[in-house]
Amino acid sequence: MKRILKVVLPLFLILSHGLIAEVRAQEKTVDISGQIRLRGESSDKDFDGATGATDYTLLRTRLNFQFGLLGHVTAYAQLQDSRVYGEEGADGATNTLTSISNVDLSQGYVQIDDLLFPWLAAKFGRLRLNYGAQRLIGANEFSNVGRSFDGVVVMLTFENFQIDLIHSTLYESSQAPDTLDGDQQLTGVWMTFNQAKSSLFHLYVLTDQDWRQNAAGDPRLNRATLGGRYENTMANWGLEMEANLQTGVMDFDRDILALYMSGALSYHFAGSSKPQLAIGVDYLSGDKADTEAYECFNTLFPARHKHFGYMDYFLNIPTDTRQLGLIDMMAKARLSPRQKFRLEGDLHFFRLSQDAGLSDGLSTDLGTELDMAFGYDYCPSVNFTLGGAAFLPGQVMKEWYGQDLSFWFYAQTTVNF
């Protein structure tokens, strides 16, 4: 028996060690990835041709760690350094031996699937949020930093629809009571329905609050955004429509009643170059001087560079339109002359949705913008992009900012690893 044990026991230990290692390997996976993005920009956006352009280079470096546990738990951490070339110097002095201590936790979250039920999952921590066309909530990835939210998303996923319950802390006052400095929060429900392979519906309610209170106990901001989105692709046609109503109270006692509507129709032509044409319009209501309610729509936390032109004159609405809303009528074209190449062109006609009082009368004419971009995929992990834009000011922009044509150009390299 002892001889048998001397032979069997070591063999059992070897086999069991191999089985345990295999189980552990199945329980835990590790994936390390990253991205380096370099973008040079030349900006002459001040509507003054005499000032010349400002040139600068942006660098964004990301390192991602993803750990899979037990097959249904994911831990994700993303470190990011975002910088402008040469910013270590100060007051015109060169300094290449300093550090700006610029590394930040861009994302750090845990996602648990099959949480009590197969259809229930939760993600919590610091994370990106992207919904619909990112008109209201988006990561804003063109930014050299990107947008992150601190909070939790509970996801209910069924066969034809998904419900996301969202809660994020936008600002923590860290004072007692919170009503003195005011916590700020974003909460919401976003529902997505797949009626068919070609159709997608979104229904959502988003609320954002600023809990600073006045003497009467009224919050500074308690705003609700209710909306729906419809997307359809049929044969070569594409259609998207979105409508939003914003209501609630701002500035403690002023009612909110604002609208945001958008629609676009696209057509994909046959051919190896995959040409596409699209037309669309966005309407954001503006505040009227003769009404008590506040009527200018606030776009919340969108992917800002994505929708209203490369020049980024209308990143922060309502501030950038001076509370007067925005109408954007656009035409877009896409072309892939070869497999790794693509050309894009957008033409925007910008108007205010309410008249602006100017020195010589009233006008809504903001101006016209032309955007162009050329992309080349060197390989699946490396992309080069050249782009530029020109803005011809209308009557409103001429009086607000200046008379001259404005320009912006960029060259970008993105490497994923």
Protein backbone atom coordinates (compact mmCIF):
# COMPACT_ATOMS: atom_id res chain seq x y z
CA MET A 1 0.00 0.00 0.00
CA LYS A 2 2.79 2.43 0.88
CA ARG A 3 4.44 1.75 -2.45
CA ILE A 4 1.15 2.39 -4.23
CA LEU A 5 0.67 5.63 -2.29
CA LYS A 6 4.21 6.71 -3.11
CA VAL A 7 3.37 6.37 -6.80
CA VAL A 8 -0.26 7.50 -6.79
CA LEU A 9 0.00 10.48 -4.42
CA PRO A 10 2.63 12.42 -6.44
CA LEU A 11 0.67 11.65 -9.60
CA PHE A 12 -2.53 12.92 -7.94
CA LEU A 13 -0.81 16.10 -6.78
CA ILE A 14 0.53 16.76 -10.28
CA LEU A 15 -2.87 16.18 -11.88
CA SER A 16 -4.74 18.19 -9.24
CA HIS A 17 -2.28 21.08 -9.59
CA GLY A 18 -2.90 21.06 -13.32
CA LEU A 19 -6.69 20.99 -12.81
CA ILE A 20 -6.55 23.83 -10.27
CA ALA A 21 -4.38 25.89 -12.60
CA GLU A 22 -6.82 25.24 -15.44
CA VAL A 23 -9.79 26.28 -13.29
CA ARG A 24 -7.98 29.40 -12.16
CA ALA A 25 -7.11 30.21 -15.76
CA GLN A 26 -10.76 29.90 -16.65
CA GLU A 27 -11.78 32.05 -13.69
CA LYS A 28 -9.35 34.89 -14.40
CA THR A 29 -8.26 36.50 -17.66
CA VAL A 30 -6.05 39.52 -18.15
CA ASP A 31 -6.00 41.84 -21.15
CA ILE A 32 -3.65 44.81 -21.44
CA SER A 33 -4.15 47.33 -24.23
CA GLY A 34 -3.64 51.00 -24.91
CA GLN A 35 -3.67 53.91 -27.29
CA ILE A 36 -1.35 56.76 -28.24
CA ARG A 37 -2.98 59.63 -30.13
CA LEU A 38 -1.04 62.60 -31.46
CA ARG A 39 -2.82 65.57 -33.02
CA GLY A 40 -1.36 68.77 -34.35
CA GLU A 41 -3.76 71.69 -34.78
CA SER A 42 -3.57 75.06 -36.48
CA SER A 43 -6.32 77.35 -35.24
CA ASP A 44 -7.35 80.69 -36.68
CA LYS A 45 -10.87 80.91 -35.27
CA ASP A 46 -11.07 84.49 -34.04
CA PHE A 47 -12.59 86.01 -37.23
CA ASP A 48 -9.63 88.39 -37.46
CA GLY A 49 -7.38 87.70 -40.44
CA ALA A 50 -4.65 89.99 -39.11
CA THR A 51 -3.88 87.87 -36.03
CA GLY A 52 -2.66 84.71 -37.79
CA ALA A 53 -3.02 81.11 -36.65
CA THR A 54 -2.02 79.44 -33.38
CA ASP A 55 -0.23 76.10 -33.78
CA TYR A 56 0.02 73.46 -31.05
CA THR A 57 0.31 69.69 -30.59
CA LEU A 58 -1.85 67.50 -28.36
CA LEU A 59 -0.80 64.09 -27.05
CA ARG A 60 -3.07 61.58 -25.35
CA THR A 61 -1.74 58.28 -23.98
CA ARG A 62 -3.95 55.57 -22.50
CA LEU A 63 -3.11 52.27 -20.84
CA ASN A 64 -5.97 49.84 -20.24
CA PHE A 65 -6.12 46.87 -17.86
CA GLN A 66 -9.08 44.49 -18.08
CA PHE A 67 -9.47 41.55 -15.72
CA GLY A 68 -12.14 38.89 -16.23
CA LEU A 69 -13.16 36.97 -13.12
CA LEU A 70 -15.37 33.88 -12.88
CA GLY A 71 -16.64 34.44 -16.41
CA HIS A 72 -19.14 37.13 -15.41
CA VAL A 73 -17.16 39.76 -13.49
CA THR A 74 -15.03 42.36 -15.27
CA ALA A 75 -12.69 44.84 -13.59
CA TYR A 76 -11.42 47.62 -15.86
CA ALA A 77 -8.92 50.40 -15.24
CA GLN A 78 -7.76 53.04 -17.72
CA LEU A 79 -4.86 55.38 -16.97
CA GLN A 80 -4.55 58.47 -19.13
CA ASP A 81 -2.02 61.22 -19.69
CA SER A 82 -3.29 64.23 -21.66
CA ARG A 83 -0.89 67.04 -22.50
CA VAL A 84 0.10 69.84 -24.83
CA TYR A 85 3.63 69.72 -26.22
CA GLY A 86 5.95 71.97 -24.23
CA GLU A 87 3.61 72.70 -21.34
CA GLU A 88 6.25 71.79 -18.73
CA GLY A 89 7.87 75.18 -19.29
CA ALA A 90 6.64 78.35 -17.61
CA ASP A 91 6.86 82.08 -18.40
CA GLY A 92 8.70 81.42 -21.64
CA ALA A 93 11.39 79.32 -19.95
CA THR A 94 12.27 75.90 -21.35
CA ASN A 95 12.15 73.00 -18.88
CA THR A 96 12.60 69.41 -20.03
CA LEU A 97 13.42 68.03 -16.57
CA THR A 98 10.07 68.58 -14.87
CA SER A 99 6.84 66.64 -14.53
CA ILE A 100 3.32 68.01 -14.65
CA SER A 101 1.97 64.93 -12.77
CA ASN A 102 -0.75 64.59 -15.36
CA VAL A 103 -1.68 60.89 -15.15
CA ASP A 104 -5.31 60.42 -14.14
CA LEU A 105 -7.76 57.56 -13.68
CA SER A 106 -9.87 58.02 -16.80
CA GLN A 107 -11.93 54.92 -16.06
CA GLY A 108 -12.03 52.47 -13.20
CA TYR A 109 -15.09 50.26 -12.84
CA VAL A 110 -16.41 46.80 -12.09
CA GLN A 111 -19.14 45.14 -14.15
CA ILE A 112 -21.02 42.15 -12.79
CA ASP A 113 -23.20 40.15 -15.19
CA ASP A 114 -25.77 37.50 -14.19
CA LEU A 115 -26.40 39.40 -10.98
CA LEU A 116 -29.06 37.25 -9.26
CA PHE A 117 -30.79 36.84 -12.64
CA PRO A 118 -29.36 36.21 -16.15
CA TRP A 119 -30.93 39.45 -17.39
CA LEU A 120 -29.53 41.67 -14.62
CA ALA A 121 -26.11 43.35 -14.63
CA ALA A 122 -24.48 46.34 -12.94
CA LYS A 123 -21.49 48.56 -13.68
CA PHE A 124 -20.14 50.92 -11.04
CA GLY A 125 -17.15 53.20 -10.67
CA ARG A 126 -15.66 55.79 -13.01
CA LEU A 127 -16.86 55.08 -16.53
CA ARG A 128 -17.82 56.32 -19.99
CA LEU A 129 -21.49 56.73 -20.94
CA ASN A 130 -22.66 56.70 -24.57
CA TYR A 131 -26.34 56.64 -25.51
CA GLY A 132 -28.12 56.99 -28.83
CA ALA A 133 -26.35 59.40 -31.16
CA GLN A 134 -24.61 60.96 -28.13
CA ARG A 135 -26.60 64.18 -28.49
CA LEU A 136 -27.29 64.25 -24.74
CA ILE A 137 -24.82 61.79 -23.18
CA GLY A 138 -21.55 60.93 -24.87
CA ALA A 139 -17.89 60.33 -24.11
CA ASN A 140 -16.74 63.23 -26.33
CA GLU A 141 -13.74 61.23 -27.52
CA PHE A 142 -12.39 63.90 -29.89
CA SER A 143 -11.46 65.86 -26.79
CA ASN A 144 -7.91 65.25 -25.64
CA VAL A 145 -9.33 64.17 -22.27
CA GLY A 146 -12.75 62.62 -22.92
CA ARG A 147 -15.70 62.63 -20.55
CA SER A 148 -16.04 60.28 -17.57
CA PHE A 149 -18.87 59.88 -15.08
CA ASP A 150 -18.65 58.71 -11.46
CA GLY A 151 -21.61 56.48 -10.69
CA VAL A 152 -23.48 53.29 -11.41
CA VAL A 153 -25.48 51.82 -14.27
CA VAL A 154 -27.88 48.94 -13.67
CA MET A 155 -28.67 47.08 -16.91
CA LEU A 156 -31.73 44.91 -17.54
CA THR A 157 -31.27 43.05 -20.83
CA PHE A 158 -34.02 41.01 -22.47
CA GLU A 159 -34.48 39.54 -25.92
CA ASN A 160 -35.70 42.65 -27.74
CA PHE A 161 -35.03 45.51 -25.35
CA GLN A 162 -32.67 46.82 -22.71
CA ILE A 163 -33.26 49.17 -19.79
CA ASP A 164 -30.39 51.13 -18.23
CA LEU A 165 -30.84 52.82 -14.86
CA ILE A 166 -28.25 55.59 -14.52
CA HIS A 167 -27.01 57.51 -11.50
CA SER A 168 -23.94 59.76 -11.44
CA THR A 169 -22.51 62.24 -8.97
CA LEU A 170 -21.45 65.28 -10.97
CA TYR A 171 -20.25 67.31 -8.01
CA GLU A 172 -19.79 66.37 -4.35
CA SER A 173 -19.98 69.33 -2.00
CA SER A 174 -18.47 67.49 1.00
CA GLN A 175 -20.21 69.95 3.27
CA ALA A 176 -22.85 69.41 5.91
CA PRO A 177 -25.58 70.01 5.09
CA ASP A 178 -25.25 69.44 1.32
CA THR A 179 -27.79 72.16 0.65
CA LEU A 180 -25.19 74.88 1.43
CA ASP A 181 -22.80 74.08 -1.39
CA GLY A 182 -25.05 71.67 -3.25
CA ASP A 183 -24.40 68.21 -4.60
CA GLN A 184 -25.06 67.89 -8.33
CA GLN A 185 -26.37 64.65 -9.79
CA LEU A 186 -27.48 63.02 -13.01
CA THR A 187 -30.06 60.23 -12.94
CA GLY A 188 -32.06 58.61 -15.66
CA VAL A 189 -33.68 55.68 -17.41
CA TRP A 190 -32.67 54.80 -20.98
CA MET A 191 -34.68 52.11 -22.81
CA THR A 192 -33.70 50.61 -26.16
CA PHE A 193 -36.11 48.49 -28.24
CA ASN A 194 -35.20 46.34 -31.25
CA GLN A 195 -38.44 46.05 -33.16
CA ALA A 196 -36.67 44.41 -36.10
CA LYS A 197 -33.14 44.12 -37.45
CA SER A 198 -33.60 47.38 -39.32
CA SER A 199 -35.37 49.43 -36.62
CA LEU A 200 -34.27 50.71 -33.25
CA PHE A 201 -36.25 52.77 -30.73
CA HIS A 202 -34.90 54.72 -27.75
CA LEU A 203 -37.05 56.14 -24.97
CA TYR A 204 -35.48 57.97 -22.05
CA VAL A 205 -35.92 60.28 -19.09
CA LEU A 206 -32.87 62.12 -17.74
CA THR A 207 -32.85 64.37 -14.69
CA ASP A 208 -30.04 66.61 -13.48
CA GLN A 209 -30.12 68.45 -10.18
CA ASP A 210 -28.16 71.09 -8.31
CA TRP A 211 -29.26 70.78 -4.70
CA ARG A 212 -28.09 74.21 -3.53
CA GLN A 213 -31.12 75.79 -1.88
CA ASN A 214 -32.43 79.28 -1.28
CA ALA A 215 -34.06 80.48 1.91
CA ALA A 216 -37.37 78.91 0.88
CA GLY A 217 -35.74 75.49 0.41
CA ASP A 218 -36.02 75.48 -3.40
CA PRO A 219 -33.21 73.70 -5.32
CA ARG A 220 -31.16 75.79 -7.71
CA LEU A 221 -31.78 73.31 -10.57
CA ASN A 222 -34.17 70.41 -10.97
CA ARG A 223 -34.40 69.65 -14.69
CA ALA A 224 -35.91 66.72 -16.58
CA THR A 225 -35.24 65.82 -20.23
CA LEU A 226 -37.75 63.46 -21.82
CA GLY A 227 -37.11 62.12 -25.29
CA GLY A 228 -37.25 59.45 -27.92
CA ARG A 229 -35.14 58.39 -30.87
CA TYR A 230 -35.91 56.26 -33.92
CA GLU A 231 -33.36 54.70 -36.28
CA ASN A 232 -34.19 52.72 -39.42
CA THR A 233 -32.07 51.23 -42.18
CA MET A 234 -33.87 49.72 -45.16
CA ALA A 235 -32.13 48.69 -48.39
CA ASN A 236 -29.86 51.67 -49.16
CA TRP A 237 -31.79 54.22 -47.10
CA GLY A 238 -31.17 55.37 -43.56
CA LEU A 239 -33.47 57.44 -41.36
CA GLU A 240 -33.03 58.87 -37.89
CA MET A 241 -35.31 61.12 -35.86
CA GLU A 242 -35.05 62.39 -32.31
CA ALA A 243 -37.22 64.67 -30.18
CA ASN A 244 -36.71 66.01 -26.66
CA LEU A 245 -38.72 68.05 -24.20
CA GLN A 246 -36.94 69.77 -21.33
CA THR A 247 -38.86 70.90 -18.28
CA GLY A 248 -38.38 71.62 -14.59
CA VAL A 249 -37.05 74.58 -12.57
CA MET A 250 -33.80 76.57 -12.76
CA ASP A 251 -32.45 79.52 -10.76
CA PHE A 252 -34.64 78.36 -7.87
CA ASP A 253 -37.99 79.50 -9.26
CA ARG A 254 -37.87 79.87 -13.07
CA ASP A 255 -39.79 77.29 -15.08
CA ILE A 256 -38.09 75.46 -17.97
CA LEU A 257 -39.84 74.60 -21.23
CA ALA A 258 -37.47 73.83 -24.13
CA LEU A 259 -37.34 71.62 -27.24
CA TYR A 260 -34.68 69.79 -29.24
CA MET A 261 -35.64 68.05 -32.49
CA SER A 262 -33.42 66.49 -35.13
CA GLY A 263 -33.79 64.38 -38.24
CA ALA A 264 -31.57 63.04 -41.01
CA LEU A 265 -32.08 61.04 -44.19
CA SER A 266 -29.18 59.21 -45.86
CA TYR A 267 -28.65 57.11 -48.97
CA HIS A 268 -25.87 54.57 -49.62
CA PHE A 269 -25.09 54.24 -53.31
CA ALA A 270 -23.90 51.02 -54.89
CA GLY A 271 -20.28 50.80 -55.98
CA SER A 272 -16.85 49.90 -54.71
CA SER A 273 -16.22 53.41 -53.37
CA LYS A 274 -19.31 53.19 -51.10
CA PRO A 275 -20.56 56.75 -51.66
CA GLN A 276 -23.04 58.12 -49.11
CA LEU A 277 -25.11 61.28 -49.04
CA ALA A 278 -27.17 62.64 -46.16
CA ILE A 279 -29.23 65.70 -45.33
CA GLY A 280 -30.44 66.70 -41.90
CA VAL A 281 -31.56 69.43 -39.55
CA ASP A 282 -31.23 70.11 -35.82
CA TYR A 283 -33.52 72.53 -34.01
CA LEU A 284 -32.82 73.72 -30.47
CA SER A 285 -35.27 76.21 -29.04
CA GLY A 286 -34.08 79.57 -27.74
CA ASP A 287 -35.24 81.80 -24.93
CA LYS A 288 -37.84 84.43 -25.77
CA ALA A 289 -37.53 87.80 -24.09
CA ASP A 290 -41.29 88.27 -23.71
CA THR A 291 -42.05 85.03 -21.81
CA GLU A 292 -41.43 84.07 -18.19
CA ALA A 293 -40.36 80.47 -18.83
CA TYR A 294 -36.78 79.62 -19.81
CA GLU A 295 -36.96 78.16 -23.33
CA CYS A 296 -33.36 77.54 -24.41
CA PHE A 297 -32.52 73.84 -24.62
CA ASN A 298 -29.46 72.64 -22.71
CA THR A 299 -27.63 69.77 -24.46
CA LEU A 300 -26.34 68.32 -21.16
CA PHE A 301 -23.27 66.09 -21.77
CA PRO A 302 -23.03 65.37 -25.51
CA ALA A 303 -20.23 64.29 -27.84
CA ARG A 304 -19.69 67.96 -28.65
CA HIS A 305 -17.40 67.78 -31.67
CA LYS A 306 -19.60 65.22 -33.41
CA HIS A 307 -22.71 67.20 -34.34
CA PHE A 308 -22.31 70.97 -34.77
CA GLY A 309 -19.25 71.31 -36.98
CA TYR A 310 -15.49 70.80 -36.64
CA MET A 311 -14.92 74.45 -35.70
CA ASP A 312 -16.56 73.86 -32.30
CA TYR A 313 -18.20 77.26 -32.07
CA PHE A 314 -21.29 75.66 -30.53
CA LEU A 315 -19.86 73.31 -27.93
CA ASN A 316 -21.74 74.70 -24.96
CA ILE A 317 -25.38 75.34 -25.69
CA PRO A 318 -27.02 77.56 -24.51
CA THR A 319 -23.96 79.71 -23.63
CA ASP A 320 -22.41 79.72 -27.13
CA THR A 321 -25.64 80.98 -28.71
CA ARG A 322 -26.32 83.51 -25.94
CA GLN A 323 -29.51 81.70 -24.93
CA LEU A 324 -31.03 82.12 -28.42
CA GLY A 325 -31.04 78.48 -29.53
CA LEU A 326 -29.67 76.95 -32.71
CA ILE A 327 -30.81 75.67 -36.11
CA ASP A 328 -28.30 73.57 -38.04
CA MET A 329 -29.21 72.57 -41.61
CA MET A 330 -26.60 70.23 -43.03
CA ALA A 331 -25.54 68.09 -45.98
CA LYS A 332 -22.95 65.34 -45.62
CA ALA A 333 -21.01 63.16 -48.05
CA ARG A 334 -18.84 60.08 -47.48
CA LEU A 335 -16.63 58.22 -49.96
CA SER A 336 -14.14 55.34 -49.76
CA PRO A 337 -12.19 55.45 -53.03
CA ARG A 338 -10.02 52.54 -51.89
CA GLN A 339 -10.33 49.98 -49.12
CA LYS A 340 -8.15 51.82 -46.61
CA PHE A 341 -9.07 55.38 -47.58
CA ARG A 342 -12.07 57.55 -46.78
CA LEU A 343 -13.15 61.08 -47.60
CA GLU A 344 -15.73 63.06 -45.64
CA GLY A 345 -17.31 66.43 -46.25
CA ASP A 346 -19.96 68.30 -44.25
CA LEU A 347 -21.70 71.58 -45.04
CA HIS A 348 -23.53 73.38 -42.20
CA PHE A 349 -25.89 76.35 -42.42
CA PHE A 350 -26.20 77.76 -38.90
CA ARG A 351 -29.02 79.97 -37.69
CA LEU A 352 -30.32 81.11 -34.32
CA SER A 353 -33.81 79.93 -33.49
CA GLN A 354 -34.58 83.37 -31.99
CA ASP A 355 -33.65 86.79 -33.41
CA ALA A 356 -30.53 88.48 -32.11
CA GLY A 357 -30.64 92.23 -31.68
CA LEU A 358 -27.85 93.78 -33.75
CA SER A 359 -26.74 97.35 -34.32
CA ASP A 360 -28.57 97.45 -37.67
CA GLY A 361 -31.64 95.38 -36.79
CA LEU A 362 -32.51 91.76 -36.10
CA SER A 363 -30.94 88.64 -37.56
CA THR A 364 -30.60 84.88 -37.02
CA ASP A 365 -27.76 84.34 -39.53
CA LEU A 366 -24.78 82.77 -37.75
CA GLY A 367 -22.90 81.64 -40.84
CA THR A 368 -21.84 78.71 -43.01
CA GLU A 369 -19.23 76.08 -42.21
CA LEU A 370 -17.47 73.59 -44.50
CA ASP A 371 -15.69 70.59 -42.92
CA MET A 372 -13.39 68.15 -44.74
CA ALA A 373 -11.47 65.07 -43.56
CA PHE A 374 -9.28 62.43 -45.18
CA GLY A 375 -8.53 59.16 -43.38
CA TYR A 376 -6.06 56.37 -44.10
CA ASP A 377 -5.93 53.07 -42.22
CA TYR A 378 -2.29 52.07 -42.46
CA CYS A 379 -3.19 48.81 -40.71
CA PRO A 380 -5.99 47.75 -38.32
CA SER A 381 -4.15 49.38 -35.40
CA VAL A 382 -2.81 52.54 -37.02
CA ASN A 383 -4.84 55.38 -38.52
CA PHE A 384 -3.86 58.73 -40.04
CA THR A 385 -6.36 61.58 -40.45
CA LEU A 386 -6.07 65.01 -42.03
CA GLY A 387 -8.89 67.48 -41.64
CA GLY A 388 -9.86 71.09 -41.80
CA ALA A 389 -12.74 73.51 -41.66
CA ALA A 390 -13.64 77.02 -42.76
CA PHE A 391 -16.37 79.24 -41.33
CA LEU A 392 -17.91 82.14 -43.24
CA PRO A 393 -19.54 84.40 -40.62
CA GLY A 394 -23.07 85.64 -41.04
CA GLN A 395 -24.50 88.89 -39.70
CA VAL A 396 -24.70 87.68 -36.11
CA MET A 397 -21.16 86.25 -35.87
CA LYS A 398 -19.75 89.34 -37.61
CA GLU A 399 -21.14 91.61 -34.93
CA TRP A 400 -20.42 89.25 -32.05
CA TYR A 401 -16.85 88.28 -33.01
CA GLY A 402 -15.46 89.62 -36.31
CA GLN A 403 -15.78 90.00 -40.05
CA ASP A 404 -13.16 87.63 -41.51
CA LEU A 405 -13.26 84.03 -42.66
CA SER A 406 -11.94 81.64 -39.98
CA PHE A 407 -10.01 78.38 -40.39
CA TRP A 408 -8.95 75.29 -38.44
CA PHE A 409 -6.76 72.37 -39.55
CA TYR A 410 -5.50 69.20 -37.90
CA ALA A 411 -3.35 66.15 -38.56
CA GLN A 412 -3.85 63.14 -36.29
CA THR A 413 -2.17 59.78 -35.80
CA THR A 414 -3.84 57.09 -33.67
CA VAL A 415 -2.06 53.88 -32.65
CA ASN A 416 -3.92 51.18 -30.74
CA PHE A 417 -1.96 48.36 -29.10
